[in-house]
């Protein structure tokens, strides 16, 4: 093996041996989807990064739609810039192209889940795609399941992508395990529980979107309320802010909040105490 520059590893400047080894040993790799392109003969294809030196070496990883392992009718574009797992199936060193499959990895993980899971079991699932039609969740190992909008626990005033954003975990319950049909069914566990909040409760929420004079505030995964956002407000998206519950209706999925202002509360308390003392003085 040739000598590498001092302080570096030869594989850092020549990754081909490592790629051949990964192919021969069927190693599972984490790859990042950097683009989706139509390629002649393969249809839409994920263009993936194989590592931090991908741009330096000009090596292109490709996962065609047939090897994506996505559920039928799922857009490949929804997964752009996400990390997926894959195996190397072929290497074209002359053209610096590496062909990969995600489908085989998902099939193996589906077999594991079919053996491990039980009906009624509760899981944490990761949201991988979110649209007006519903969400797609990863229940483990990249096994994806669609949850249509009609089965979601939605607030009427909050958009799907705000209430259930990408990379958020939600609770689901296993409803079906079909080993013969290789199918797993899940349903979303309703985050809107009765008596979760009562009027006047102090809650801390994260601002997830600001639109016009309204702030959308997430207090728990899947539970998003609305609060006035006046021009004088300085909090921004991503900030955690204290709010006071004005209305909570679990059945109709309604959460109305008001900004908790310590100074205003202090002044109101002083006024109430002062008024109470004045009334007592008059009675005497």
Protein backbone atom coordinates (compact mmCIF):
# COMPACT_ATOMS: atom_id res chain seq x y z
CA UNK A 1 0.00 0.00 0.00
CA UNK A 2 1.24 3.46 -0.86
CA UNK A 3 2.32 5.92 1.79
CA UNK A 4 -0.32 8.50 2.69
CA UNK A 5 0.48 12.08 3.66
CA UNK A 6 1.59 12.39 7.27
CA UNK A 7 -1.31 12.37 9.74
CA UNK A 8 -3.76 10.77 7.31
CA UNK A 9 -4.94 7.29 6.47
CA UNK A 10 -4.54 5.89 2.96
CA UNK A 11 -8.25 5.10 2.88
CA UNK A 12 -8.93 8.80 3.39
CA UNK A 13 -7.54 9.53 -0.06
CA UNK A 14 -8.41 6.24 -1.80
CA UNK A 15 -11.81 4.89 -0.68
CA UNK A 16 -12.14 2.19 -3.33
CA UNK A 17 -10.71 -0.65 -1.23
CA UNK A 18 -13.18 0.18 1.55
CA UNK A 19 -16.07 0.27 -0.94
CA UNK A 20 -15.14 -3.12 -2.42
CA UNK A 21 -14.86 -4.55 1.10
CA UNK A 22 -18.28 -3.14 2.03
CA UNK A 23 -19.76 -4.72 -1.10
CA UNK A 24 -18.16 -8.13 -0.53
CA UNK A 25 -19.14 -8.26 3.14
CA UNK A 26 -22.64 -6.85 2.46
CA UNK A 27 -22.10 -4.13 5.02
CA UNK A 28 -24.96 -1.78 5.80
CA UNK A 29 -24.01 1.84 5.17
CA UNK A 30 -25.60 5.13 6.16
CA UNK A 31 -25.94 7.31 3.09
CA UNK A 32 -27.38 10.80 2.65
CA UNK A 33 -29.86 11.50 -0.16
CA UNK A 34 -28.56 14.62 -1.88
CA UNK A 35 -30.80 14.66 -4.96
CA UNK A 36 -33.52 12.88 -6.95
CA UNK A 37 -32.97 12.57 -10.70
CA UNK A 38 -34.56 10.73 -13.62
CA UNK A 39 -31.96 8.36 -15.10
CA UNK A 40 -32.47 6.56 -18.39
CA UNK A 41 -33.49 2.95 -17.90
CA UNK A 42 -33.94 3.29 -14.14
CA UNK A 43 -36.56 5.99 -13.73
CA UNK A 44 -36.29 8.30 -10.75
CA UNK A 45 -33.18 7.62 -8.72
CA UNK A 46 -31.74 8.79 -5.42
CA UNK A 47 -28.28 10.33 -5.75
CA UNK A 48 -26.55 9.68 -2.43
CA UNK A 49 -23.41 10.75 -0.64
CA UNK A 50 -21.18 7.86 0.45
CA UNK A 51 -19.19 9.84 3.00
CA UNK A 52 -17.60 13.12 3.92
CA UNK A 53 -15.12 12.91 1.02
CA UNK A 54 -17.79 12.28 -1.65
CA UNK A 55 -17.30 15.67 -3.29
CA UNK A 56 -13.52 15.31 -3.26
CA UNK A 57 -13.47 11.95 -5.02
CA UNK A 58 -16.47 12.58 -7.28
CA UNK A 59 -17.94 9.17 -6.48
CA UNK A 60 -21.68 9.04 -7.12
CA UNK A 61 -23.96 6.63 -5.26
CA UNK A 62 -27.24 5.67 -6.94
CA UNK A 63 -30.38 4.01 -5.57
CA UNK A 64 -33.06 3.50 -8.27
CA UNK A 65 -36.74 3.60 -7.33
CA UNK A 66 -36.97 -0.19 -7.66
CA UNK A 67 -34.33 -0.52 -4.92
CA UNK A 68 -35.64 2.29 -2.69
CA UNK A 69 -37.79 0.01 -0.52
CA UNK A 70 -40.47 2.71 -0.27
CA UNK A 71 -44.16 1.83 0.11
CA UNK A 72 -46.13 1.97 -3.15
CA UNK A 73 -47.18 5.47 -4.13
CA UNK A 74 -44.53 7.17 -1.98
CA UNK A 75 -42.67 10.08 -3.54
CA UNK A 76 -38.90 9.75 -3.54
CA UNK A 77 -38.68 13.54 -3.24
CA UNK A 78 -40.06 13.42 0.30
CA UNK A 79 -36.79 11.85 1.49
CA UNK A 80 -34.35 14.29 -0.04
CA UNK A 81 -31.60 15.28 2.44
CA UNK A 82 -32.50 12.40 4.77
CA UNK A 83 -30.16 9.59 5.85
CA UNK A 84 -31.08 6.04 4.82
CA UNK A 85 -29.38 2.66 5.09
CA UNK A 86 -28.23 0.71 2.04
CA UNK A 87 -25.94 -2.03 0.74
CA UNK A 88 -23.57 -1.79 -2.20
CA UNK A 89 -24.63 -4.00 -5.11
CA UNK A 90 -22.25 -2.90 -7.81
CA UNK A 91 -19.20 -0.71 -8.43
CA UNK A 92 -18.27 1.01 -11.69
CA UNK A 93 -14.87 2.38 -10.80
CA UNK A 94 -14.18 3.66 -14.31
CA UNK A 95 -17.17 6.01 -14.15
CA UNK A 96 -16.98 6.52 -10.34
CA UNK A 97 -20.48 5.11 -9.81
CA UNK A 98 -21.66 2.91 -6.93
CA UNK A 99 -25.02 1.14 -7.21
CA UNK A 100 -26.86 0.51 -3.92
CA UNK A 101 -30.01 -1.09 -2.60
CA UNK A 102 -32.13 0.03 0.35
CA UNK A 103 -34.85 -2.52 -0.44
CA UNK A 104 -32.80 -5.51 0.75
CA UNK A 105 -32.00 -3.82 4.06
CA UNK A 106 -35.68 -3.00 4.64
CA UNK A 107 -36.77 -6.56 3.80
CA UNK A 108 -34.34 -7.93 6.39
CA UNK A 109 -35.53 -5.45 9.02
CA UNK A 110 -39.18 -6.19 8.23
CA UNK A 111 -38.50 -9.88 8.95
CA UNK A 112 -36.97 -8.96 12.31
CA UNK A 113 -39.91 -6.76 13.28
CA UNK A 114 -42.47 -9.40 12.26
CA UNK A 115 -40.76 -11.79 14.70
CA UNK A 116 -40.24 -9.26 17.49
CA UNK A 117 -43.44 -7.22 17.63
CA UNK A 118 -46.73 -8.14 19.24
CA UNK A 119 -50.22 -6.80 18.56
CA UNK A 120 -51.27 -3.94 20.88
CA UNK A 121 -47.59 -3.16 21.59
CA UNK A 122 -46.80 0.56 21.75
CA UNK A 123 -43.84 2.02 19.88
CA UNK A 124 -42.10 5.32 19.30
CA UNK A 125 -42.18 6.00 15.55
CA UNK A 126 -40.20 8.65 13.69
CA UNK A 127 -41.97 10.89 11.18
CA UNK A 128 -40.12 10.64 7.85
CA UNK A 129 -42.61 12.43 5.57
CA UNK A 130 -45.51 14.81 6.20
CA UNK A 131 -48.06 16.18 3.75
CA UNK A 132 -51.71 17.24 3.54
CA UNK A 133 -52.59 13.60 2.82
CA UNK A 134 -51.00 12.25 5.99
CA UNK A 135 -47.65 11.15 7.36
CA UNK A 136 -45.18 8.30 6.89
CA UNK A 137 -43.53 6.92 10.01
CA UNK A 138 -40.49 4.72 10.58
CA UNK A 139 -41.35 2.06 13.16
CA UNK A 140 -37.79 0.72 13.22
CA UNK A 141 -34.98 -0.11 10.81
CA UNK A 142 -36.44 2.04 8.04
CA UNK A 143 -39.70 0.08 7.86
CA UNK A 144 -42.17 2.74 6.78
CA UNK A 145 -45.92 2.83 7.36
CA UNK A 146 -48.39 5.38 6.02
CA UNK A 147 -50.91 6.96 8.38
CA UNK A 148 -53.58 8.74 6.30
CA UNK A 149 -54.96 12.09 7.42
CA UNK A 150 -58.37 10.59 8.27
CA UNK A 151 -56.69 8.43 10.95
CA UNK A 152 -54.61 11.25 12.43
CA UNK A 153 -55.46 13.22 15.55
CA UNK A 154 -55.63 16.65 14.00
CA UNK A 155 -56.40 20.11 15.27
CA UNK A 156 -58.64 21.87 12.78
CA UNK A 157 -56.59 25.05 12.94
CA UNK A 158 -53.08 23.57 12.57
CA UNK A 159 -51.51 22.34 9.28
CA UNK A 160 -50.33 18.70 9.17
CA UNK A 161 -46.66 19.60 8.65
CA UNK A 162 -46.78 21.89 11.70
CA UNK A 163 -48.56 19.48 14.02
CA UNK A 164 -46.50 16.49 12.85
CA UNK A 165 -43.12 17.79 11.54
CA UNK A 166 -40.28 15.70 10.14
CA UNK A 167 -37.93 13.95 12.57
CA UNK A 168 -40.44 14.08 15.43
CA UNK A 169 -41.25 10.95 17.43
CA UNK A 170 -44.88 10.00 18.02
CA UNK A 171 -46.50 7.11 19.87
CA UNK A 172 -48.18 4.39 17.82
CA UNK A 173 -49.81 1.08 18.64
CA UNK A 174 -49.40 -2.12 16.63
CA UNK A 175 -52.76 -3.18 15.21
CA UNK A 176 -51.77 -5.95 12.80
CA UNK A 177 -48.95 -8.42 12.28
CA UNK A 178 -49.29 -10.42 9.06
CA UNK A 179 -46.22 -12.61 8.65
CA UNK A 180 -47.54 -14.32 5.51
CA UNK A 181 -48.39 -11.03 3.81
CA UNK A 182 -45.33 -9.33 5.35
CA UNK A 183 -47.39 -6.46 6.66
CA UNK A 184 -47.45 -4.50 9.91
CA UNK A 185 -50.29 -2.13 10.79
CA UNK A 186 -50.19 0.66 13.35
CA UNK A 187 -52.48 3.40 14.59
CA UNK A 188 -51.59 6.71 16.15
CA UNK A 189 -52.09 7.07 19.89
CA UNK A 190 -54.12 10.20 20.49
CA UNK A 191 -51.97 12.86 22.23
CA UNK A 192 -55.15 14.85 23.05
CA UNK A 193 -56.02 13.21 26.34
CA UNK A 194 -59.04 14.36 28.42
CA UNK A 195 -58.12 16.71 31.27
CA UNK A 196 -54.58 17.13 29.94
CA UNK A 197 -54.89 20.84 30.70
CA UNK A 198 -57.38 23.08 32.45
CA UNK A 199 -57.98 26.78 32.02
CA UNK A 200 -55.32 28.83 33.81
CA UNK A 201 -52.59 26.13 33.70
CA UNK A 202 -49.05 27.35 33.08
CA UNK A 203 -47.37 25.41 30.24
CA UNK A 204 -44.10 25.72 28.37
CA UNK A 205 -44.38 25.39 24.62
CA UNK A 206 -42.09 25.67 21.61
CA UNK A 207 -43.07 28.08 18.86
CA UNK A 208 -43.13 25.98 15.67
CA UNK A 209 -44.58 28.54 13.26
CA UNK A 210 -45.66 32.17 13.14
CA UNK A 211 -48.33 33.22 10.67
CA UNK A 212 -49.85 36.69 10.57
CA UNK A 213 -50.61 37.50 14.23
CA UNK A 214 -50.80 33.88 15.37
CA UNK A 215 -48.11 31.65 16.90
CA UNK A 216 -48.42 27.88 16.61
CA UNK A 217 -47.10 26.43 19.86
CA UNK A 218 -46.22 22.78 20.50
CA UNK A 219 -46.63 21.71 24.12
CA UNK A 220 -46.18 17.98 23.41
CA UNK A 221 -45.52 15.90 20.27
CA UNK A 222 -48.70 16.08 18.19
CA UNK A 223 -50.32 18.62 20.49
CA UNK A 224 -50.13 22.12 19.02
CA UNK A 225 -52.10 25.13 20.16
CA UNK A 226 -52.48 28.69 18.94
CA UNK A 227 -51.62 31.92 20.73
CA UNK A 228 -51.81 35.61 19.82
CA UNK A 229 -48.55 36.97 18.43
CA UNK A 230 -48.62 40.77 18.78
CA UNK A 231 -46.18 43.06 16.98
CA UNK A 232 -44.41 43.69 20.28
CA UNK A 233 -43.57 39.98 20.66
CA UNK A 234 -39.84 39.16 20.43
CA UNK A 235 -39.94 35.34 20.64
CA UNK A 236 -39.15 33.52 17.40
CA UNK A 237 -39.65 30.07 15.88
CA UNK A 238 -37.81 27.46 17.95
CA UNK A 239 -38.02 29.42 21.21
CA UNK A 240 -39.55 27.84 24.31
CA UNK A 241 -42.03 30.22 25.93
CA UNK A 242 -44.33 30.13 28.94
CA UNK A 243 -48.05 30.31 28.19
CA UNK A 244 -51.30 30.17 30.11
CA UNK A 245 -54.07 27.84 28.94
CA UNK A 246 -57.21 29.71 27.88
CA UNK A 247 -59.15 26.77 26.45
CA UNK A 248 -58.51 23.03 26.13
CA UNK A 249 -60.96 20.73 24.35
CA UNK A 250 -59.55 17.23 23.77
CA UNK A 251 -62.59 16.00 21.84
CA UNK A 252 -62.48 18.81 19.28
CA UNK A 253 -58.67 19.13 19.33
CA UNK A 254 -58.58 22.76 20.46
CA UNK A 255 -55.84 24.41 22.51
CA UNK A 256 -55.88 28.18 22.94
CA UNK A 257 -53.01 29.83 24.77
CA UNK A 258 -52.00 33.26 26.04
CA UNK A 259 -48.47 34.50 26.67
CA UNK A 260 -47.56 34.27 30.36
CA UNK A 261 -46.05 37.59 31.38
CA UNK A 262 -44.47 37.54 34.84
CA UNK A 263 -44.59 41.32 35.19
CA UNK A 264 -48.28 41.54 34.28
CA UNK A 265 -49.10 38.71 36.71
CA UNK A 266 -47.11 40.50 39.45
CA UNK A 267 -48.94 43.79 38.87
CA UNK A 268 -52.33 42.08 38.84
CA UNK A 269 -51.50 40.28 42.07
CA UNK A 270 -50.47 43.56 43.74
CA UNK A 271 -53.71 45.19 42.57
CA UNK A 272 -55.84 42.32 43.88
CA UNK A 273 -54.11 42.42 47.28
CA UNK A 274 -54.47 46.21 47.45
CA UNK A 275 -58.16 46.02 46.54
CA UNK A 276 -58.74 43.30 49.10
CA UNK A 277 -57.10 45.41 51.83
CA UNK A 278 -59.16 48.46 50.87
CA UNK A 279 -62.38 46.46 51.13
CA UNK A 280 -61.38 45.13 54.55
CA UNK A 281 -60.55 48.66 55.72
CA UNK A 282 -64.00 49.95 54.64
CA UNK A 283 -65.74 47.12 56.45
CA UNK A 284 -63.96 47.98 59.66
